[in-house]
PDB file of N, CA and C in Angstrom:
ATOM      1  N   UNK A   1      80.362 181.008 176.706  1.00  0.00           N
ATOM      2  CA  UNK A   1      79.286 179.668 176.570  1.00  0.00           C
ATOM      3  C   UNK A   1      79.573 178.278 177.632  1.00  0.00           C
ATOM      4  N   UNK A   2      79.142 177.787 178.281  1.00  0.00           N
ATOM      5  CA  UNK A   2      79.132 176.351 179.092  1.00  0.00           C
ATOM      6  C   UNK A   2      79.763 175.151 178.843  1.00  0.00           C
ATOM      7  N   UNK A   3      80.736 174.535 178.435  1.00  0.00           N
ATOM      8  CA  UNK A   3      81.190 173.681 178.476  1.00  0.00           C
ATOM      9  C   UNK A   3      80.399 172.043 178.999  1.00  0.00           C
ATOM     10  N   UNK A   4      80.687 170.744 178.236  1.00  0.00           N
ATOM     11  CA  UNK A   4      79.790 170.283 178.766  1.00  0.00           C
ATOM     12  C   UNK A   4      80.518 168.717 178.359  1.00  0.00           C
ATOM     13  N   UNK A   5      80.689 167.360 179.139  1.00  0.00           N
ATOM     14  CA  UNK A   5      82.342 166.658 178.399  1.00  0.00           C
ATOM     15  C   UNK A   5      81.125 165.631 179.047  1.00  0.00           C
ATOM     16  N   UNK A   6      81.490 163.958 178.935  1.00  0.00           N
ATOM     17  CA  UNK A   6      80.836 162.930 179.116  1.00  0.00           C
ATOM     18  C   UNK A   6      82.179 162.257 179.889  1.00  0.00           C
ATOM     19  N   UNK A   7      81.568 162.066 181.526  1.00  0.00           N
ATOM     20  CA  UNK A   7      82.826 160.884 181.978  1.00  0.00           C
ATOM     21  C   UNK A   7      82.230 159.255 181.649  1.00  0.00           C
ATOM     22  N   UNK A   8      83.490 158.779 182.232  1.00  0.00           N
ATOM     23  CA  UNK A   8      83.176 157.749 182.112  1.00  0.00           C
ATOM     24  C   UNK A   8      82.796 156.742 183.561  1.00  0.00           C
ATOM     25  N   UNK A   9      81.406 156.635 183.914  1.00  0.00           N
ATOM     26  CA  UNK A   9      80.775 156.144 185.320  1.00  0.00           C
ATOM     27  C   UNK A   9      82.348 155.045 186.111  1.00  0.00           C
ATOM     28  N   UNK A  10      82.170 155.106 186.935  1.00  0.00           N
ATOM     29  CA  UNK A  10      82.434 153.952 187.681  1.00  0.00           C
ATOM     30  C   UNK A  10      81.664 152.271 187.989  1.00  0.00           C
ATOM     31  N   UNK A  11      82.948 151.318 187.769  1.00  0.00           N
ATOM     32  CA  UNK A  11      81.942 149.874 187.242  1.00  0.00           C
ATOM     33  C   UNK A  11      81.472 149.888 188.237  1.00  0.00           C
ATOM     34  N   UNK A  12      79.749 149.028 188.021  1.00  0.00           N
ATOM     35  CA  UNK A  12      78.780 148.731 188.560  1.00  0.00           C
ATOM     36  C   UNK A  12      77.782 149.853 188.745  1.00  0.00           C
ATOM     37  N   UNK A  13      77.906 150.923 187.993  1.00  0.00           N
ATOM     38  CA  UNK A  13      77.028 152.113 187.335  1.00  0.00           C
ATOM     39  C   UNK A  13      75.681 151.219 187.234  1.00  0.00           C
ATOM     40  N   UNK A  14      74.553 151.921 187.759  1.00  0.00           N
ATOM     41  CA  UNK A  14      73.459 151.531 186.320  1.00  0.00           C
ATOM     42  C   UNK A  14      73.685 152.444 185.066  1.00  0.00           C
ATOM     43  N   UNK A  15      72.963 151.438 184.365  1.00  0.00           N
ATOM     44  CA  UNK A  15      72.838 151.193 182.097  1.00  0.00           C
ATOM     45  C   UNK A  15      72.333 152.807 182.131  1.00  0.00           C
ATOM     46  N   UNK A  16      72.028 153.593 183.069  1.00  0.00           N
ATOM     47  CA  UNK A  16      71.302 154.449 182.436  1.00  0.00           C
ATOM     48  C   UNK A  16      71.825 155.664 183.293  1.00  0.00           C
ATOM     49  N   UNK A  17      72.978 155.688 183.918  1.00  0.00           N
ATOM     50  CA  UNK A  17      73.534 156.960 185.045  1.00  0.00           C
ATOM     51  C   UNK A  17      73.595 157.395 183.363  1.00  0.00           C
ATOM     52  N   UNK A  18      74.489 158.792 184.067  1.00  0.00           N
ATOM     53  CA  UNK A  18      75.086 159.571 183.192  1.00  0.00           C
ATOM     54  C   UNK A  18      75.661 160.859 184.329  1.00  0.00           C
ATOM     55  N   UNK A  19      77.178 160.536 183.740  1.00  0.00           N
ATOM     56  CA  UNK A  19      77.804 161.821 184.506  1.00  0.00           C
ATOM     57  C   UNK A  19      78.382 162.842 183.695  1.00  0.00           C
ATOM     58  N   UNK A  20      78.384 163.583 184.186  1.00  0.00           N
ATOM     59  CA  UNK A  20      78.901 164.899 182.995  1.00  0.00           C
ATOM     60  C   UNK A  20      79.346 166.090 183.708  1.00  0.00           C
ATOM     61  N   UNK A  21      80.864 166.856 183.024  1.00  0.00           N
ATOM     62  CA  UNK A  21      81.187 167.975 183.406  1.00  0.00           C
ATOM     63  C   UNK A  21      81.786 169.045 182.746  1.00  0.00           C
ATOM     64  N   UNK A  22      81.966 170.117 183.057  1.00  0.00           N
ATOM     65  CA  UNK A  22      82.826 171.670 182.692  1.00  0.00           C
ATOM     66  C   UNK A  22      82.939 171.975 183.244  1.00  0.00           C
ATOM     67  N   UNK A  23      82.597 173.514 182.000  1.00  0.00           N
ATOM     68  CA  UNK A  23      83.250 175.159 182.886  1.00  0.00           C
ATOM     69  C   UNK A  23      82.566 175.810 182.571  1.00  0.00           C
ATOM     70  N   UNK A  24      81.897 176.185 183.416  1.00  0.00           N
ATOM     71  CA  UNK A  24      80.584 177.710 183.916  1.00  0.00           C
ATOM     72  C   UNK A  24      81.577 179.526 183.460  1.00  0.00           C
ATOM     73  N   UNK A  25      81.792 179.830 182.704  1.00  0.00           N
ATOM     74  CA  UNK A  25      82.595 181.134 183.018  1.00  0.00           C
ATOM     75  C   UNK A  25      82.038 182.143 183.629  1.00  0.00           C
ATOM     76  N   UNK A  26      80.733 181.474 183.086  1.00  0.00           N
ATOM     77  CA  UNK A  26      79.335 182.846 184.277  1.00  0.00           C
ATOM     78  C   UNK A  26      79.666 182.934 185.173  1.00  0.00           C
ATOM     79  N   UNK A  27      79.722 181.780 186.238  1.00  0.00           N
ATOM     80  CA  UNK A  27      80.296 181.303 187.458  1.00  0.00           C
ATOM     81  C   UNK A  27      81.482 181.644 187.393  1.00  0.00           C
ATOM     82  N   UNK A  28      82.356 180.958 186.916  1.00  0.00           N
ATOM     83  CA  UNK A  28      83.759 180.142 187.044  1.00  0.00           C
ATOM     84  C   UNK A  28      83.581 180.092 187.851  1.00  0.00           C
ATOM     85  N   UNK A  29      82.985 178.489 187.093  1.00  0.00           N
ATOM     86  CA  UNK A  29      82.888 176.964 188.467  1.00  0.00           C
ATOM     87  C   UNK A  29      83.306 175.936 187.354  1.00  0.00           C
ATOM     88  N   UNK A  30      84.028 175.355 187.412  1.00  0.00           N
ATOM     89  CA  UNK A  30      83.907 173.670 186.917  1.00  0.00           C
ATOM     90  C   UNK A  30      82.466 173.260 187.958  1.00  0.00           C
ATOM     91  N   UNK A  31      81.798 172.816 186.951  1.00  0.00           N
ATOM     92  CA  UNK A  31      80.939 171.954 187.407  1.00  0.00           C
ATOM     93  C   UNK A  31      80.771 170.461 187.306  1.00  0.00           C
ATOM     94  N   UNK A  32      79.803 170.007 187.514  1.00  0.00           N
ATOM     95  CA  UNK A  32      79.481 168.564 187.685  1.00  0.00           C
ATOM     96  C   UNK A  32      78.307 167.344 188.283  1.00  0.00           C
ATOM     97  N   UNK A  33      77.765 166.899 187.045  1.00  0.00           N
ATOM     98  CA  UNK A  33      76.355 166.314 187.187  1.00  0.00           C
ATOM     99  C   UNK A  33      76.587 164.986 187.644  1.00  0.00           C
ATOM    100  N   UNK A  34      76.004 164.410 188.289  1.00  0.00           N
ATOM    101  CA  UNK A  34      75.289 162.711 187.665  1.00  0.00           C
ATOM    102  C   UNK A  34      74.015 162.450 188.033  1.00  0.00           C
ATOM    103  N   UNK A  35      73.152 161.527 187.118  1.00  0.00           N
ATOM    104  CA  UNK A  35      71.832 161.811 187.200  1.00  0.00           C
ATOM    105  C   UNK A  35      71.707 159.705 186.608  1.00  0.00           C
ATOM    106  N   UNK A  36      71.470 158.663 187.476  1.00  0.00           N
ATOM    107  CA  UNK A  36      70.494 157.992 186.808  1.00  0.00           C
ATOM    108  C   UNK A  36      69.317 158.112 186.705  1.00  0.00           C
ATOM    109  N   UNK A  37      69.110 157.617 185.150  1.00  0.00           N
ATOM    110  CA  UNK A  37      67.598 157.836 184.272  1.00  0.00           C
ATOM    111  C   UNK A  37      67.316 159.566 184.086  1.00  0.00           C
ATOM    112  N   UNK A  38      66.217 159.731 183.941  1.00  0.00           N
ATOM    113  CA  UNK A  38      65.647 161.192 183.590  1.00  0.00           C
ATOM    114  C   UNK A  38      65.167 161.610 184.857  1.00  0.00           C
ATOM    115  N   UNK A  39      64.904 160.985 186.348  1.00  0.00           N
ATOM    116  CA  UNK A  39      64.837 162.037 187.710  1.00  0.00           C
ATOM    117  C   UNK A  39      65.470 161.707 188.615  1.00  0.00           C
ATOM    118  N   UNK A  40      66.534 160.613 188.734  1.00  0.00           N
ATOM    119  CA  UNK A  40      66.935 160.705 189.734  1.00  0.00           C
ATOM    120  C   UNK A  40      68.473 161.525 189.484  1.00  0.00           C
ATOM    121  N   UNK A  41      68.731 162.408 190.711  1.00  0.00           N
ATOM    122  CA  UNK A  41      70.256 162.702 190.398  1.00  0.00           C
ATOM    123  C   UNK A  41      71.080 162.700 191.602  1.00  0.00           C
ATOM    124  N   UNK A  42      72.152 162.308 190.955  1.00  0.00           N
ATOM    125  CA  UNK A  42      72.722 161.243 192.467  1.00  0.00           C
ATOM    126  C   UNK A  42      73.895 162.330 193.093  1.00  0.00           C
ATOM    127  N   UNK A  43      74.124 162.996 192.402  1.00  0.00           N
ATOM    128  CA  UNK A  43      74.848 164.441 192.251  1.00  0.00           C
ATOM    129  C   UNK A  43      74.625 165.883 191.628  1.00  0.00           C
ATOM    130  N   UNK A  44      75.575 167.021 192.101  1.00  0.00           N
ATOM    131  CA  UNK A  44      75.499 167.839 191.259  1.00  0.00           C
ATOM    132  C   UNK A  44      76.065 168.747 191.914  1.00  0.00           C
ATOM    133  N   UNK A  45      77.784 169.727 191.600  1.00  0.00           N
ATOM    134  CA  UNK A  45      78.021 170.699 192.261  1.00  0.00           C
ATOM    135  C   UNK A  45      78.661 171.812 190.955  1.00  0.00           C
ATOM    136  N   UNK A  46      78.425 173.081 191.416  1.00  0.00           N
ATOM    137  CA  UNK A  46      78.977 174.408 191.026  1.00  0.00           C
ATOM    138  C   UNK A  46      78.319 174.948 190.774  1.00  0.00           C
ATOM    139  N   UNK A  47      77.145 175.052 191.141  1.00  0.00           N
ATOM    140  CA  UNK A  47      75.761 175.340 191.331  1.00  0.00           C
ATOM    141  C   UNK A  47      75.694 176.804 191.103  1.00  0.00           C
ATOM    142  N   UNK A  48      76.905 177.377 191.743  1.00  0.00           N
ATOM    143  CA  UNK A  48      77.009 178.313 192.571  1.00  0.00           C
ATOM    144  C   UNK A  48      78.283 178.990 192.252  1.00  0.00           C
ATOM    145  N   UNK A  49      78.613 180.436 192.425  1.00  0.00           N
ATOM    146  CA  UNK A  49      79.845 181.343 191.987  1.00  0.00           C
ATOM    147  C   UNK A  49      80.419 180.953 192.369  1.00  0.00           C
ATOM    148  N   UNK A  50      81.796 180.685 191.451  1.00  0.00           N
ATOM    149  CA  UNK A  50      83.415 179.729 192.287  1.00  0.00           C
ATOM    150  C   UNK A  50      83.296 178.812 192.942  1.00  0.00           C
ATOM    151  N   UNK A  51      82.502 177.791 192.704  1.00  0.00           N
ATOM    152  CA  UNK A  51      81.487 176.752 194.315  1.00  0.00           C
ATOM    153  C   UNK A  51      82.693 175.774 193.836  1.00  0.00           C
ATOM    154  N   UNK A  52      83.860 175.877 192.578  1.00  0.00           N
ATOM    155  CA  UNK A  52      84.624 174.399 192.131  1.00  0.00           C
ATOM    156  C   UNK A  52      85.922 175.179 191.081  1.00  0.00           C
ATOM    157  N   UNK A  53      86.592 175.915 191.928  1.00  0.00           N
ATOM    158  CA  UNK A  53      87.810 177.318 191.387  1.00  0.00           C
ATOM    159  C   UNK A  53      88.465 176.180 190.694  1.00  0.00           C
ATOM    160  N   UNK A  54      89.177 174.933 191.055  1.00  0.00           N
ATOM    161  CA  UNK A  54      90.633 173.986 190.237  1.00  0.00           C
ATOM    162  C   UNK A  54      90.476 173.003 189.703  1.00  0.00           C
ATOM    163  N   UNK A  55      91.044 172.809 188.869  1.00  0.00           N
ATOM    164  CA  UNK A  55      90.812 171.393 187.999  1.00  0.00           C
ATOM    165  C   UNK A  55      90.995 169.949 189.118  1.00  0.00           C
ATOM    166  N   UNK A  56      92.299 170.051 190.308  1.00  0.00           N
ATOM    167  CA  UNK A  56      92.605 169.617 191.227  1.00  0.00           C
ATOM    168  C   UNK A  56      91.055 169.502 192.056  1.00  0.00           C
ATOM    169  N   UNK A  57      90.278 170.943 192.426  1.00  0.00           N
ATOM    170  CA  UNK A  57      89.114 170.420 193.508  1.00  0.00           C
ATOM    171  C   UNK A  57      87.670 169.510 192.796  1.00  0.00           C
ATOM    172  N   UNK A  58      87.757 170.017 191.187  1.00  0.00           N
ATOM    173  CA  UNK A  58      86.952 169.362 190.540  1.00  0.00           C
ATOM    174  C   UNK A  58      87.350 167.868 190.825  1.00  0.00           C
ATOM    175  N   UNK A  59      89.036 167.192 190.264  1.00  0.00           N
ATOM    176  CA  UNK A  59      89.144 166.050 190.366  1.00  0.00           C
ATOM    177  C   UNK A  59      88.863 164.761 191.222  1.00  0.00           C
ATOM    178  N   UNK A  60      88.495 165.624 192.691  1.00  0.00           N
ATOM    179  CA  UNK A  60      88.988 165.515 193.972  1.00  0.00           C
ATOM    180  C   UNK A  60      87.239 164.940 194.514  1.00  0.00           C
ATOM    181  N   UNK A  61      86.576 165.814 194.222  1.00  0.00           N
ATOM    182  CA  UNK A  61      85.352 166.068 194.285  1.00  0.00           C
ATOM    183  C   UNK A  61      84.532 164.533 193.790  1.00  0.00           C
ATOM    184  N   UNK A  62      85.415 164.424 192.419  1.00  0.00           N
ATOM    185  CA  UNK A  62      84.727 163.299 191.642  1.00  0.00           C
ATOM    186  C   UNK A  62      85.344 162.111 191.512  1.00  0.00           C
ATOM    187  N   UNK A  63      86.943 162.123 192.786  1.00  0.00           N
ATOM    188  CA  UNK A  63      87.296 160.880 192.585  1.00  0.00           C
ATOM    189  C   UNK A  63      86.130 160.418 193.997  1.00  0.00           C
ATOM    190  N   UNK A  64      85.671 161.020 195.008  1.00  0.00           N
ATOM    191  CA  UNK A  64      84.785 160.756 196.349  1.00  0.00           C
ATOM    192  C   UNK A  64      83.718 160.168 195.987  1.00  0.00           C
ATOM    193  N   UNK A  65      83.178 160.208 194.217  1.00  0.00           N
ATOM    194  CA  UNK A  65      82.636 158.883 193.584  1.00  0.00           C
ATOM    195  C   UNK A  65      82.519 158.037 192.565  1.00  0.00           C
ATOM    196  N   UNK A  66      83.399 157.727 193.219  1.00  0.00           N
ATOM    197  CA  UNK A  66      84.516 156.656 192.351  1.00  0.00           C
ATOM    198  C   UNK A  66      84.628 157.093 191.554  1.00  0.00           C
ATOM    199  N   UNK A  67      84.837 158.111 190.395  1.00  0.00           N
ATOM    200  CA  UNK A  67      85.067 158.625 188.873  1.00  0.00           C
ATOM    201  C   UNK A  67      86.522 159.075 189.273  1.00  0.00           C
ATOM    202  N   UNK A  68      86.396 158.664 188.162  1.00  0.00           N
ATOM    203  CA  UNK A  68      88.172 159.547 187.408  1.00  0.00           C
ATOM    204  C   UNK A  68      88.180 160.231 186.427  1.00  0.00           C
ATOM    205  N   UNK A  69      89.067 162.031 186.665  1.00  0.00           N
ATOM    206  CA  UNK A  69      88.712 162.445 185.453  1.00  0.00           C
ATOM    207  C   UNK A  69      89.831 162.329 184.306  1.00  0.00           C
ATOM    208  N   UNK A  70      89.331 161.378 183.770  1.00  0.00           N
ATOM    209  CA  UNK A  70      90.712 161.956 181.701  1.00  0.00           C
ATOM    210  C   UNK A  70      91.386 162.783 181.732  1.00  0.00           C
ATOM    211  N   UNK A  71      92.621 162.236 181.981  1.00  0.00           N
ATOM    212  CA  UNK A  71      93.615 163.561 181.562  1.00  0.00           C
ATOM    213  C   UNK A  71      93.465 164.245 179.930  1.00  0.00           C
ATOM    214  N   UNK A  72      92.767 163.672 178.879  1.00  0.00           N
ATOM    215  CA  UNK A  72      91.776 164.910 177.876  1.00  0.00           C
ATOM    216  C   UNK A  72      91.215 165.913 178.068  1.00  0.00           C
ATOM    217  N   UNK A  73      89.970 164.950 178.796  1.00  0.00           N
ATOM    218  CA  UNK A  73      89.004 166.422 179.395  1.00  0.00           C
ATOM    219  C   UNK A  73      89.560 167.264 180.380  1.00  0.00           C
ATOM    220  N   UNK A  74      90.342 166.669 181.180  1.00  0.00           N
ATOM    221  CA  UNK A  74      90.979 167.675 182.645  1.00  0.00           C
ATOM    222  C   UNK A  74      92.072 168.914 181.210  1.00  0.00           C
ATOM    223  N   UNK A  75      92.340 167.759 180.028  1.00  0.00           N
ATOM    224  CA  UNK A  75      93.320 169.390 179.384  1.00  0.00           C
ATOM    225  C   UNK A  75      92.402 170.334 178.584  1.00  0.00           C
ATOM    226  N   UNK A  76      91.322 169.388 178.547  1.00  0.00           N
ATOM    227  CA  UNK A  76      90.499 170.996 177.766  1.00  0.00           C
ATOM    228  C   UNK A  76      89.612 171.490 178.259  1.00  0.00           C
ATOM    229  N   UNK A  77      88.929 170.627 179.507  1.00  0.00           N
ATOM    230  CA  UNK A  77      88.503 171.828 180.790  1.00  0.00           C
ATOM    231  C   UNK A  77      89.492 173.099 181.072  1.00  0.00           C
ATOM    232  N   UNK A  78      91.164 172.658 181.272  1.00  0.00           N
ATOM    233  CA  UNK A  78      91.845 173.724 181.484  1.00  0.00           C
ATOM    234  C   UNK A  78      91.799 174.888 180.220  1.00  0.00           C
ATOM    235  N   UNK A  79      91.304 174.217 179.159  1.00  0.00           N
ATOM    236  CA  UNK A  79      91.535 175.397 177.962  1.00  0.00           C
ATOM    237  C   UNK A  79      90.522 175.539 178.055  1.00  0.00           C
ATOM    238  N   UNK A  80      89.128 175.791 178.249  1.00  0.00           N
ATOM    239  CA  UNK A  80      87.846 175.650 177.951  1.00  0.00           C
ATOM    240  C   UNK A  80      87.914 176.795 179.466  1.00  0.00           C
ATOM    241  N   UNK A  81      88.293 176.724 180.613  1.00  0.00           N
ATOM    242  CA  UNK A  81      88.425 177.980 182.048  1.00  0.00           C
ATOM    243  C   UNK A  81      89.557 179.236 181.006  1.00  0.00           C
ATOM    244  N   UNK A  82      90.674 178.874 180.638  1.00  0.00           N
ATOM    245  CA  UNK A  82      91.614 179.596 180.343  1.00  0.00           C
ATOM    246  C   UNK A  82      90.738 181.231 179.063  1.00  0.00           C
ATOM    247  N   UNK A  83      90.367 179.762 177.810  1.00  0.00           N
ATOM    248  CA  UNK A  83      89.426 180.970 176.987  1.00  0.00           C
ATOM    249  C   UNK A  83      87.776 181.396 177.339  1.00  0.00           C
ATOM    250  N   UNK A  84      87.564 181.260 178.344  1.00  0.00           N
ATOM    251  CA  UNK A  84      86.307 181.169 178.526  1.00  0.00           C
ATOM    252  C   UNK A  84      85.901 182.671 180.064  1.00  0.00           C
ATOM    253  N   UNK A  85      87.737 183.438 179.941  1.00  0.00           N
ATOM    254  CA  UNK A  85      87.333 183.997 181.617  1.00  0.00           C
ATOM    255  C   UNK A  85      88.194 183.239 182.854  1.00  0.00           C
ATOM    256  N   UNK A  86      89.018 183.795 183.384  1.00  0.00           N
ATOM    257  CA  UNK A  86      89.510 183.166 184.446  1.00  0.00           C
ATOM    258  C   UNK A  86      88.476 183.526 185.619  1.00  0.00           C
ATOM    259  N   UNK A  87      89.844 182.579 186.722  1.00  0.00           N
ATOM    260  CA  UNK A  87      89.201 183.149 187.892  1.00  0.00           C
ATOM    261  C   UNK A  87      89.686 184.628 189.016  1.00  0.00           C
TER     262      UNK A  87
END
């Protein structure tokens, strides 16, 4: 089962912005997506197998969008990966 966590959006984000991340054991990848409202996709990563294989790569990718991966979510994502299948 894919995990899902809501991330804090960077300052100045629209009020209806939503950024989420998780681990997809089926694709053996972390994923991240951000939307504004119901229709506008800001970004969507981790949709192909092994696209984001490490937490470090996920954190760096999020940083390019001004988003910080909180340590408690990073810790849980690591647990999700280990319990949902290894790379």
